C-alpha atoms as a PDB file:
ATOM      1  CA  MET A   1      87.413  42.040  76.543  1.00  0.00           C
ATOM      2  CA  GLN A   2      85.522  44.013  73.960  1.00  0.00           C
ATOM      3  CA  LYS A   3      82.776  44.721  76.510  1.00  0.00           C
ATOM      4  CA  ALA A   4      85.382  45.908  79.005  1.00  0.00           C
ATOM      5  CA  HIS A   5      86.971  48.089  76.332  1.00  0.00           C
ATOM      6  CA  ASP A   6      83.567  49.559  75.387  1.00  0.00           C
ATOM      7  CA  LYS A   7      82.773  50.142  79.038  1.00  0.00           C
ATOM      8  CA  GLY A   8      86.109  51.893  79.597  1.00  0.00           C
ATOM      9  CA  HIS A   9      85.620  53.981  76.463  1.00  0.00           C
ATOM     10  CA  ALA A  10      82.144  55.010  77.618  1.00  0.00           C
ATOM     11  CA  SER A  11      83.501  55.911  81.062  1.00  0.00           C
ATOM     12  CA  LEU A  12      86.260  58.047  79.522  1.00  0.00           C
ATOM     13  CA  LEU A  13      83.752  59.770  77.238  1.00  0.00           C
ATOM     14  CA  ALA A  14      81.495  60.521  80.199  1.00  0.00           C
ATOM     15  CA  THR A  15      84.435  61.968  82.112  1.00  0.00           C
ATOM     16  CA  ILE A  16      85.329  64.236  79.204  1.00  0.00           C
ATOM     17  CA  VAL A  17      81.725  65.407  78.881  1.00  0.00           C
ATOM     18  CA  VAL A  18      81.409  66.088  82.607  1.00  0.00           C
ATOM     19  CA  THR A  19      84.769  67.893  82.653  1.00  0.00           C
ATOM     20  CA  GLY A  20      83.716  69.989  79.702  1.00  0.00           C
ATOM     21  CA  VAL A  21      80.451  70.906  81.363  1.00  0.00           C
ATOM     22  CA  LEU A  22      82.242  71.826  84.584  1.00  0.00           C
ATOM     23  CA  GLY A  23      84.751  73.880  82.637  1.00  0.00           C
ATOM     24  CA  ALA A  24      81.968  75.720  80.883  1.00  0.00           C
ATOM     25  CA  VAL A  25      80.294  76.385  84.218  1.00  0.00           C
ATOM     26  CA  VAL A  26      83.525  77.732  85.722  1.00  0.00           C
ATOM     27  CA  VAL A  27      84.278  79.951  82.722  1.00  0.00           C
ATOM     28  CA  GLY A  28      80.682  81.117  82.570  1.00  0.00           C
ATOM     29  CA  SER A  29      80.711  81.915  86.282  1.00  0.00           C
ATOM     30  CA  THR A  30      83.968  83.831  85.923  1.00  0.00           C
ATOM     31  CA  PHE A  31      82.545  86.066  83.222  1.00  0.00           C
ATOM     32  CA  ALA A  32      79.301  86.446  85.148  1.00  0.00           C
ATOM     33  CA  LEU A  33      81.153  87.589  88.272  1.00  0.00           C
ATOM     34  CA  ARG A  34      83.470  89.979  86.437  1.00  0.00           C
ATOM     35  CA  PRO A  35      82.205  93.545  86.100  1.00  0.00           C
ATOM     36  CA  PRO A  36      81.307  94.368  82.503  1.00  0.00           C
ATOM     37  CA  SER A  37      84.225  95.692  80.461  1.00  0.00           C
ATOM     38  CA  SER A  38      83.912  99.388  79.636  1.00  0.00           C
ATOM     39  CA  THR A  39      84.192 100.208  75.962  1.00  0.00           C
ATOM     40  CA  GLY A  40      82.590 103.639  76.126  1.00  0.00           C
ATOM     41  CA  ALA A  41      81.117 106.281  78.366  1.00  0.00           C
ATOM     42  CA  ASP A  42      77.787 104.423  78.626  1.00  0.00           C
ATOM     43  CA  ALA A  43      79.275 100.991  79.455  1.00  0.00           C
ATOM     44  CA  LEU A  44      80.074 101.451  83.135  1.00  0.00           C
ATOM     45  CA  PRO A  45      80.840  98.561  85.465  1.00  0.00           C
ATOM     46  CA  ALA A  46      78.348  97.722  88.159  1.00  0.00           C
ATOM     47  CA  GLU A  47      80.979  97.578  90.904  1.00  0.00           C
ATOM     48  CA  ALA A  48      83.741  99.880  92.101  1.00  0.00           C
ATOM     49  CA  THR A  49      86.601  97.575  91.196  1.00  0.00           C
ATOM     50  CA  GLU A  50      90.333  98.137  91.262  1.00  0.00           C
ATOM     51  CA  ALA A  51      90.348  97.519  87.494  1.00  0.00           C
ATOM     52  CA  TYR A  52      87.773 100.247  86.974  1.00  0.00           C
ATOM     53  CA  GLY A  53      89.822 102.611  89.119  1.00  0.00           C
ATOM     54  CA  ARG A  54      92.839 101.976  86.921  1.00  0.00           C
ATOM     55  CA  GLN A  55      90.740 102.676  83.847  1.00  0.00           C
ATOM     56  CA  LEU A  56      89.481 105.925  85.349  1.00  0.00           C
ATOM     57  CA  LEU A  57      93.030 107.167  85.882  1.00  0.00           C
ATOM     58  CA  ARG A  58      94.065 106.119  82.372  1.00  0.00           C
ATOM     59  CA  GLU A  59      90.946 107.274  80.489  1.00  0.00           C
ATOM     60  CA  THR A  60      89.670 110.060  82.703  1.00  0.00           C
ATOM     61  CA  PRO A  61      88.118 112.185  79.920  1.00  0.00           C
ATOM     62  CA  LYS A  62      86.085 109.269  78.596  1.00  0.00           C
ATOM     63  CA  PHE A  63      84.415 108.527  81.917  1.00  0.00           C
ATOM     64  CA  LEU A  64      84.538 111.825  83.802  1.00  0.00           C
ATOM     65  CA  GLY A  65      85.373 114.455  81.189  1.00  0.00           C
ATOM     66  CA  PRO A  66      83.633 117.667  80.153  1.00  0.00           C
ATOM     67  CA  ASP A  67      82.065 116.065  77.048  1.00  0.00           C
ATOM     68  CA  HIS A  68      80.463 113.108  78.815  1.00  0.00           C
ATOM     69  CA  PRO A  69      76.900 112.644  77.434  1.00  0.00           C
ATOM     70  CA  ASP A  70      75.514 112.758  80.979  1.00  0.00           C
ATOM     71  CA  PRO A  71      76.071 116.269  82.410  1.00  0.00           C
ATOM     72  CA  GLN A  72      75.950 114.830  85.930  1.00  0.00           C
ATOM     73  CA  ARG A  73      79.068 112.782  85.179  1.00  0.00           C
ATOM     74  CA  ARG A  74      81.190 115.709  84.002  1.00  0.00           C
ATOM     75  CA  TYR A  75      83.549 115.905  86.959  1.00  0.00           C
ATOM     76  CA  SER A  76      86.788 116.782  85.170  1.00  0.00           C
ATOM     77  CA  GLY A  77      87.098 120.151  83.481  1.00  0.00           C
ATOM     78  CA  THR A  78      89.815 119.026  81.090  1.00  0.00           C
ATOM     79  CA  GLN A  79      90.400 116.310  78.511  1.00  0.00           C
ATOM     80  CA  MET A  80      93.649 115.385  80.240  1.00  0.00           C
ATOM     81  CA  ALA A  81      93.878 112.140  82.194  1.00  0.00           C
ATOM     82  CA  CYS A  82      95.202 111.546  85.691  1.00  0.00           C
ATOM     83  CA  ALA A  83      97.921 109.504  83.950  1.00  0.00           C
ATOM     84  CA  SER A  84      99.056 112.660  82.137  1.00  0.00           C
ATOM     85  CA  CYS A  85     101.111 113.434  85.261  1.00  0.00           C
ATOM     86  CA  HIS A  86     101.052 110.085  87.082  1.00  0.00           C
ATOM     87  CA  LEU A  87     102.987 108.318  84.341  1.00  0.00           C
ATOM     88  CA  GLU A  88     102.402 104.602  83.766  1.00  0.00           C
ATOM     89  CA  ILE A  89      99.157 105.147  85.705  1.00  0.00           C
ATOM     90  CA  GLY A  90     101.229 105.762  88.826  1.00  0.00           C
ATOM     91  CA  ALA A  91     102.589 102.216  88.892  1.00  0.00           C
ATOM     92  CA  ASP A  92     106.298 103.002  88.406  1.00  0.00           C
ATOM     93  CA  PRO A  93     108.490 104.176  91.299  1.00  0.00           C
ATOM     94  CA  GLY A  94     109.708 107.749  91.136  1.00  0.00           C
ATOM     95  CA  THR A  95     108.390 111.286  90.909  1.00  0.00           C
ATOM     96  CA  LEU A  96     104.565 111.480  91.060  1.00  0.00           C
ATOM     97  CA  SER A  97     104.332 107.715  91.465  1.00  0.00           C
ATOM     98  CA  LEU A  98     101.219 106.501  93.270  1.00  0.00           C
ATOM     99  CA  LEU A  99     102.874 103.402  94.707  1.00  0.00           C
ATOM    100  CA  GLU A 100     103.315 104.854  98.193  1.00  0.00           C
ATOM    101  CA  THR A 101     100.409 107.291  98.203  1.00  0.00           C
ATOM    102  CA  SER A 102      98.119 105.144 100.337  1.00  0.00           C
ATOM    103  CA  THR A 103     100.703 105.043 103.158  1.00  0.00           C
ATOM    104  CA  ARG A 104     100.731 108.857 103.425  1.00  0.00           C
ATOM    105  CA  TYR A 105      97.100 109.373 104.349  1.00  0.00           C
ATOM    106  CA  PRO A 106      95.355 110.392 106.525  1.00  0.00           C
ATOM    107  CA  ARG A 107      97.671 113.305 107.281  1.00  0.00           C
ATOM    108  CA  PHE A 108      97.618 116.983 108.100  1.00  0.00           C
ATOM    109  CA  MET A 109      97.331 119.138 104.978  1.00  0.00           C
ATOM    110  CA  GLY A 110      98.515 122.720 105.372  1.00  0.00           C
ATOM    111  CA  ARG A 111      96.530 123.807 102.339  1.00  0.00           C
ATOM    112  CA  ASP A 112      93.273 122.708 103.993  1.00  0.00           C
ATOM    113  CA  GLY A 113      94.328 123.337 107.563  1.00  0.00           C
ATOM    114  CA  GLY A 114      93.177 119.914 108.752  1.00  0.00           C
ATOM    115  CA  VAL A 115      93.685 116.163 108.614  1.00  0.00           C
ATOM    116  CA  ARG A 116      92.657 114.760 105.245  1.00  0.00           C
ATOM    117  CA  ASP A 117      92.354 111.211 103.908  1.00  0.00           C
ATOM    118  CA  LEU A 118      93.046 109.637 100.524  1.00  0.00           C
ATOM    119  CA  LYS A 119      89.600 110.510  99.178  1.00  0.00           C
ATOM    120  CA  ASP A 120      90.206 114.148 100.046  1.00  0.00           C
ATOM    121  CA  ARG A 121      93.500 114.009  98.183  1.00  0.00           C
ATOM    122  CA  ILE A 122      91.850 112.519  95.094  1.00  0.00           C
ATOM    123  CA  ASN A 123      89.279 115.307  95.125  1.00  0.00           C
ATOM    124  CA  GLY A 124      92.037 117.872  95.513  1.00  0.00           C
ATOM    125  CA  CYS A 125      93.467 116.622  92.226  1.00  0.00           C
ATOM    126  CA  MET A 126      90.055 116.615  90.598  1.00  0.00           C
ATOM    127  CA  GLN A 127      89.449 120.241  91.525  1.00  0.00           C
ATOM    128  CA  ARG A 128      92.934 121.554  90.755  1.00  0.00           C
ATOM    129  CA  SER A 129      95.015 119.432  88.391  1.00  0.00           C
ATOM    130  CA  MET A 130      91.874 118.361  86.517  1.00  0.00           C
ATOM    131  CA  ASN A 131      90.217 121.787  86.867  1.00  0.00           C
ATOM    132  CA  GLY A 132      86.946 120.097  87.803  1.00  0.00           C
ATOM    133  CA  ARG A 133      84.695 119.354  90.756  1.00  0.00           C
ATOM    134  CA  ALA A 134      84.710 116.929  93.652  1.00  0.00           C
ATOM    135  CA  LEU A 135      83.556 113.342  93.249  1.00  0.00           C
ATOM    136  CA  PRO A 136      80.975 112.002  95.734  1.00  0.00           C
ATOM    137  CA  ARG A 137      82.953 110.313  98.527  1.00  0.00           C
ATOM    138  CA  ASP A 138      80.681 107.259  98.470  1.00  0.00           C
ATOM    139  CA  GLY A 139      80.360 107.046  94.678  1.00  0.00           C
ATOM    140  CA  ILE A 140      81.555 104.175  92.498  1.00  0.00           C
ATOM    141  CA  GLU A 141      84.282 106.233  90.846  1.00  0.00           C
ATOM    142  CA  MET A 142      85.800 107.471  94.097  1.00  0.00           C
ATOM    143  CA  ILE A 143      85.762 104.011  95.657  1.00  0.00           C
ATOM    144  CA  ALA A 144      87.293 102.503  92.499  1.00  0.00           C
ATOM    145  CA  MET A 145      90.092 105.074  92.343  1.00  0.00           C
ATOM    146  CA  GLU A 146      90.841 104.545  96.012  1.00  0.00           C
ATOM    147  CA  ALA A 147      90.854 100.753  95.509  1.00  0.00           C
ATOM    148  CA  TYR A 148      93.352 101.067  92.668  1.00  0.00           C
ATOM    149  CA  ILE A 149      95.691 103.306  94.672  1.00  0.00           C
ATOM    150  CA  LEU A 150      95.449 100.967  97.659  1.00  0.00           C
ATOM    151  CA  SER A 151      96.377  98.066  95.372  1.00  0.00           C
ATOM    152  CA  LEU A 152      99.476  99.969  94.282  1.00  0.00           C
ATOM    153  CA  GLY A 153     100.447 100.276  97.943  1.00  0.00           C
ATOM    154  CA  GLU A 154     100.186  96.511  98.295  1.00  0.00           C
ATOM    155  CA  ARG A 155     102.293  96.097  95.170  1.00  0.00           C
ATOM    156  CA  PHE A 156     104.960  98.422  96.558  1.00  0.00           C
ATOM    157  CA  ALA A 157     105.070  96.500  99.841  1.00  0.00           C
ATOM    158  CA  ALA A 158     105.799  93.310  97.881  1.00  0.00           C
ATOM    159  CA  MET A 159     108.569  94.866  95.776  1.00  0.00           C
ATOM    160  CA  GLY A 160     112.222  94.189  96.400  1.00  0.00           C
ATOM    161  CA  LYS A 161     114.668  97.049  96.969  1.00  0.00           C
ATOM    162  CA  THR A 162     115.875  97.023  93.371  1.00  0.00           C
ATOM    163  CA  ARG A 163     112.393  97.363  91.903  1.00  0.00           C
ATOM    164  CA  ARG A 164     111.601 100.197  94.306  1.00  0.00           C
ATOM    165  CA  THR A 165     114.508 102.272  93.000  1.00  0.00           C
ATOM    166  CA  PRO A 166     113.333 104.775  90.368  1.00  0.00           C
ATOM    167  CA  SER A 167     115.155 105.083  87.065  1.00  0.00           C
ATOM    168  CA  GLU A 168     115.555 108.838  87.180  1.00  0.00           C
ATOM    169  CA  GLN A 169     118.193 111.543  87.103  1.00  0.00           C
ATOM    170  CA  ALA A 170     119.705 112.894  90.299  1.00  0.00           C
ATOM    171  CA  GLU A 171     117.180 114.869  92.339  1.00  0.00           C
ATOM    172  CA  PHE A 172     116.593 118.453  91.257  1.00  0.00           C
ATOM    173  CA  VAL A 173     118.782 121.046  92.995  1.00  0.00           C
ATOM    174  CA  GLU A 174     117.284 124.523  93.059  1.00  0.00           C
ATOM    175  CA  PRO A 175     119.482 127.167  91.376  1.00  0.00           C
ATOM    176  CA  ASN A 176     120.176 130.164  93.599  1.00  0.00           C
ATOM    177  CA  ARG A 177     118.690 132.737  91.242  1.00  0.00           C
ATOM    178  CA  ARG A 178     115.472 133.916  89.659  1.00  0.00           C
ATOM    179  CA  ALA A 179     114.191 131.544  86.972  1.00  0.00           C
ATOM    180  CA  ASN A 180     114.816 132.865  83.456  1.00  0.00           C
ATOM    181  CA  VAL A 181     111.624 132.665  81.402  1.00  0.00           C
ATOM    182  CA  ASP A 182     113.420 133.589  78.162  1.00  0.00           C
ATOM    183  CA  ALA A 183     115.974 130.817  78.644  1.00  0.00           C
ATOM    184  CA  GLY A 184     113.085 128.481  79.428  1.00  0.00           C
ATOM    185  CA  ARG A 185     111.455 129.325  76.109  1.00  0.00           C
ATOM    186  CA  VAL A 186     114.605 128.177  74.286  1.00  0.00           C
ATOM    187  CA  VAL A 187     114.607 124.892  76.208  1.00  0.00           C
ATOM    188  CA  TYR A 188     110.918 124.419  75.473  1.00  0.00           C
ATOM    189  CA  GLU A 189     111.298 125.017  71.746  1.00  0.00           C
ATOM    190  CA  GLU A 190     114.279 122.660  71.496  1.00  0.00           C
ATOM    191  CA  ARG A 191     113.141 119.827  73.776  1.00  0.00           C
ATOM    192  CA  CYS A 192     109.416 120.072  74.572  1.00  0.00           C
ATOM    193  CA  ALA A 193     107.518 121.545  71.639  1.00  0.00           C
ATOM    194  CA  VAL A 194     107.830 118.402  69.512  1.00  0.00           C
ATOM    195  CA  CYS A 195     105.416 116.630  71.901  1.00  0.00           C
ATOM    196  CA  HIS A 196     103.445 119.371  73.633  1.00  0.00           C
ATOM    197  CA  GLY A 197     103.198 121.664  70.606  1.00  0.00           C
ATOM    198  CA  GLY A 198     104.706 125.022  69.874  1.00  0.00           C
ATOM    199  CA  ASP A 199     101.589 126.594  71.357  1.00  0.00           C
ATOM    200  CA  GLY A 200     101.701 124.384  74.468  1.00  0.00           C
ATOM    201  CA  MET A 201      98.266 122.963  73.712  1.00  0.00           C
ATOM    202  CA  GLY A 202      99.359 119.316  73.586  1.00  0.00           C
ATOM    203  CA  LEU A 203      98.783 116.562  71.039  1.00  0.00           C
ATOM    204  CA  SER A 204      95.336 114.957  70.952  1.00  0.00           C
ATOM    205  CA  ALA A 205      95.111 111.172  70.764  1.00  0.00           C
ATOM    206  CA  THR A 206      92.349 111.234  68.108  1.00  0.00           C
ATOM    207  CA  THR A 207      89.803 113.622  66.654  1.00  0.00           C
ATOM    208  CA  ASP A 208      87.429 112.614  69.481  1.00  0.00           C
ATOM    209  CA  PRO A 209      88.174 114.900  72.465  1.00  0.00           C
ATOM    210  CA  SER A 210      87.064 112.231  74.931  1.00  0.00           C
ATOM    211  CA  ASP A 211      90.041 110.111  73.871  1.00  0.00           C
ATOM    212  CA  GLY A 212      92.278 112.656  75.574  1.00  0.00           C
ATOM    213  CA  TYR A 213      95.862 113.477  74.750  1.00  0.00           C
ATOM    214  CA  LEU A 214      98.960 111.594  73.706  1.00  0.00           C
ATOM    215  CA  PHE A 215     100.860 114.525  75.229  1.00  0.00           C
ATOM    216  CA  PRO A 216      98.915 116.891  77.495  1.00  0.00           C
ATOM    217  CA  PRO A 217      98.638 120.673  77.192  1.00  0.00           C
ATOM    218  CA  LEU A 218     100.974 122.575  79.500  1.00  0.00           C
ATOM    219  CA  TRP A 219      98.977 125.791  79.511  1.00  0.00           C
ATOM    220  CA  GLY A 220      95.814 127.202  77.993  1.00  0.00           C
ATOM    221  CA  PRO A 221      92.131 126.491  78.678  1.00  0.00           C
ATOM    222  CA  ASP A 222      92.415 122.675  78.801  1.00  0.00           C
ATOM    223  CA  SER A 223      95.374 122.466  81.170  1.00  0.00           C
ATOM    224  CA  PHE A 224      95.633 122.330  84.976  1.00  0.00           C
ATOM    225  CA  ASN A 225      94.475 125.439  86.828  1.00  0.00           C
ATOM    226  CA  ASN A 226      96.486 127.928  88.868  1.00  0.00           C
ATOM    227  CA  GLY A 227      95.681 126.110  92.118  1.00  0.00           C
ATOM    228  CA  ALA A 228      97.421 122.900  91.012  1.00  0.00           C
ATOM    229  CA  GLY A 229     100.751 121.808  92.443  1.00  0.00           C
ATOM    230  CA  MET A 230     102.273 121.752  88.963  1.00  0.00           C
ATOM    231  CA  HIS A 231     101.732 125.508  88.746  1.00  0.00           C
ATOM    232  CA  ARG A 232     104.459 125.914  91.362  1.00  0.00           C
ATOM    233  CA  VAL A 233     107.848 126.369  89.697  1.00  0.00           C
ATOM    234  CA  LEU A 234     109.859 124.206  92.125  1.00  0.00           C
ATOM    235  CA  THR A 235     107.309 121.377  92.000  1.00  0.00           C
ATOM    236  CA  ALA A 236     107.214 121.492  88.199  1.00  0.00           C
ATOM    237  CA  ALA A 237     111.017 121.645  87.948  1.00  0.00           C
ATOM    238  CA  ARG A 238     111.406 118.520  90.102  1.00  0.00           C
ATOM    239  CA  PHE A 239     109.023 116.592  87.868  1.00  0.00           C
ATOM    240  CA  ILE A 240     110.583 117.903  84.645  1.00  0.00           C
ATOM    241  CA  LYS A 241     114.130 117.112  85.790  1.00  0.00           C
ATOM    242  CA  ALA A 242     113.128 113.580  86.785  1.00  0.00           C
ATOM    243  CA  ARG A 243     110.852 112.640  83.881  1.00  0.00           C
ATOM    244  CA  MET A 244     111.192 114.944  80.874  1.00  0.00           C
ATOM    245  CA  PRO A 245     111.624 114.727  77.961  1.00  0.00           C
ATOM    246  CA  LEU A 246     109.649 111.503  78.165  1.00  0.00           C
ATOM    247  CA  GLY A 247     111.922 108.495  77.783  1.00  0.00           C
ATOM    248  CA  ALA A 248     115.049 110.655  77.527  1.00  0.00           C
ATOM    249  CA  ALA A 249     115.149 112.772  80.680  1.00  0.00           C
ATOM    250  CA  ASP A 250     118.469 114.596  80.621  1.00  0.00           C
ATOM    251  CA  LEU A 251     117.775 118.254  81.400  1.00  0.00           C
ATOM    252  CA  SER A 252     120.073 120.058  83.786  1.00  0.00           C
ATOM    253  CA  ASP A 253     118.826 121.723  86.974  1.00  0.00           C
ATOM    254  CA  ASP A 254     118.994 125.118  85.281  1.00  0.00           C
ATOM    255  CA  GLU A 255     117.108 123.923  82.191  1.00  0.00           C
ATOM    256  CA  ALA A 256     114.368 122.274  84.262  1.00  0.00           C
ATOM    257  CA  TYR A 257     114.062 125.386  86.445  1.00  0.00           C
ATOM    258  CA  ASP A 258     113.811 127.786  83.519  1.00  0.00           C
ATOM    259  CA  VAL A 259     111.445 125.710  81.412  1.00  0.00           C
ATOM    260  CA  ALA A 260     109.156 125.237  84.441  1.00  0.00           C
ATOM    261  CA  ALA A 261     109.011 129.021  84.747  1.00  0.00           C
ATOM    262  CA  TYR A 262     108.320 129.391  81.027  1.00  0.00           C
ATOM    263  CA  MET A 263     105.488 126.851  81.227  1.00  0.00           C
ATOM    264  CA  ASN A 264     103.956 128.609  84.210  1.00  0.00           C
ATOM    265  CA  SER A 265     104.292 132.082  82.724  1.00  0.00           C
ATOM    266  CA  HIS A 266     101.382 131.350  80.371  1.00  0.00           C
ATOM    267  CA  PRO A 267      97.645 131.804  80.984  1.00  0.00           C
ATOM    268  CA  ARG A 268      95.644 128.875  82.345  1.00  0.00           C
ATOM    269  CA  PRO A 269      92.291 128.287  84.074  1.00  0.00           C
ATOM    270  CA  GLN A 270      91.822 130.248  87.288  1.00  0.00           C
ATOM    271  CA  MET A 271      90.489 128.559  90.400  1.00  0.00           C
ATOM    272  CA  SER A 272      88.226 130.571  92.677  1.00  0.00           C
ATOM    273  CA  GLY A 273      88.646 130.703  96.433  1.00  0.00           C
ATOM    274  CA  LEU A 274      92.444 130.344  96.503  1.00  0.00           C
ATOM    275  CA  GLU A 275      92.659 133.044  99.165  1.00  0.00           C
ATOM    276  CA  ARG A 276      91.255 130.438 101.586  1.00  0.00           C
ATOM    277  CA  ASP A 277      94.211 128.092 101.037  1.00  0.00           C
ATOM    278  CA  TYR A 278      96.687 127.684 103.903  1.00  0.00           C
ATOM    279  CA  PRO A 279      94.828 129.163 106.873  1.00  0.00           C
ATOM    280  CA  ASP A 280      98.232 129.275 108.537  1.00  0.00           C
ATOM    281  CA  ARG A 281     100.064 131.392 105.961  1.00  0.00           C
ATOM    282  CA  ALA A 282     103.434 130.379 107.388  1.00  0.00           C
ATOM    283  CA  THR A 283     102.889 126.831 106.070  1.00  0.00           C
ATOM    284  CA  LYS A 284     102.337 128.028 102.500  1.00  0.00           C
ATOM    285  CA  PRO A 285     104.991 126.744 100.047  1.00  0.00           C
ATOM    286  CA  ILE A 286     107.497 129.439  99.201  1.00  0.00           C
ATOM    287  CA  ASP A 287     106.822 128.982  95.472  1.00  0.00           C
ATOM    288  CA  SER A 288     103.047 129.271  95.788  1.00  0.00           C
ATOM    289  CA  PRO A 289     102.181 131.578  92.873  1.00  0.00           C
ATOM    290  CA  TYR A 290      99.164 133.303  94.434  1.00  0.00           C
ATOM    291  CA  PRO A 291      98.724 135.492  97.539  1.00  0.00           C
ATOM    292  CA  PRO A 292      98.127 136.130 100.378  1.00  0.00           C
ATOM    293  CA  TYR A 293     101.425 135.373 102.114  1.00  0.00           C
ATOM    294  CA  ALA A 294     102.778 135.726 105.646  1.00  0.00           C
ATOM    295  CA  ASP A 295     105.664 137.801 104.311  1.00  0.00           C
ATOM    296  CA  GLU A 296     106.284 140.949 102.301  1.00  0.00           C
ATOM    297  CA  PHE A 297     108.009 139.369  99.302  1.00  0.00           C
ATOM    298  CA  PRO A 298     106.330 140.227  95.979  1.00  0.00           C
ATOM    299  CA  VAL A 299     104.150 137.761  94.082  1.00  0.00           C
ATOM    300  CA  GLU A 300     106.664 137.636  91.220  1.00  0.00           C
ATOM    301  CA  GLN A 301     109.393 136.434  93.574  1.00  0.00           C
ATOM    302  CA  HIS A 302     107.116 133.721  94.929  1.00  0.00           C
ATOM    303  CA  ARG A 303     106.415 132.695  91.325  1.00  0.00           C
ATOM    304  CA  PHE A 304     109.922 132.716  89.865  1.00  0.00           C
ATOM    305  CA  GLY A 305     112.420 133.180  92.684  1.00  0.00           C
ATOM    306  CA  PRO A 306     115.008 133.629  93.911  1.00  0.00           C
ATOM    307  CA  PHE A 307     113.589 131.483  96.684  1.00  0.00           C
ATOM    308  CA  ALA A 308     116.510 131.393  99.125  1.00  0.00           C
ATOM    309  CA  PRO A 309     115.657 134.767 100.732  1.00  0.00           C
ATOM    310  CA  ILE A 310     112.044 133.674 101.261  1.00  0.00           C
ATOM    311  CA  ARG A 311     113.150 130.375 102.760  1.00  0.00           C
ATOM    312  CA  GLU A 312     115.614 132.114 105.084  1.00  0.00           C
ATOM    313  CA  TYR A 313     112.918 134.513 106.233  1.00  0.00           C
ATOM    314  CA  TYR A 314     110.716 131.651 107.454  1.00  0.00           C
ATOM    315  CA  GLU A 315     113.613 129.713 108.947  1.00  0.00           C
ATOM    316  CA  ASN A 316     114.602 132.717 111.059  1.00  0.00           C
ATOM    317  CA  ARG A 317     111.134 133.715 112.285  1.00  0.00           C
END
């Protein structure tokens, strides 16, 4: 009996040892197959993973910003992150969500005058909203960003109807008047300045610029340039009405409209070559703030409204 007991004990011990070894092999293999975690600008993963793409959108200035130690990797011209506008790294339904982005491309883009894919759209953001330069289409960063956005599309497809419903105010309704910049300044000072600063220059996350912003600048040299979609008053007003102030969005249509005009009345980086946008001028958004146009309305009306007369002009052509 004792021999049987000893034999059983030895068998159990051997099983534990073998299991432990196998476990160590599995864990070791898992870590070996995972791309290295990125803790700084020099610790880049070897593969263009979805996880890396998510990190790029969240920590854009660290990996692609203007202070990157490698000048060749300075693709963004601002210390803002993609997630500065695509809140929750684009993973929540609602305005500027990225959940459905992958289903919308390829598609015809009036601004470019041709059919463009998701990589083209990413580079459009890099050159305009991020005031930078295009990423190589076959580079690790582009492939990783695309992989992350594609994964969000898969997530959206798996969501139930309730989870797809955004928690936002009613959709912005455009006031039938010119936006009032002075009224917008009052709204900004009362509701926006506490986060974005009285000077509109944002609130930095740390003293290290590559750590980006807690709250991004809304104008000035480190903000989006004049070719970005957010520089259009109606586009900005829709986002502001839906999402701002952060966590307590309750502005009226008039307040969102006016504060969007106030934000976009300030200086910001200027993008060259904007005259080449929209080869078919008739497809240009009515609130595009830069000429040329296919109409005779003044630039100031395209910037601040009223927009109804411009819209009616194109509808009746």
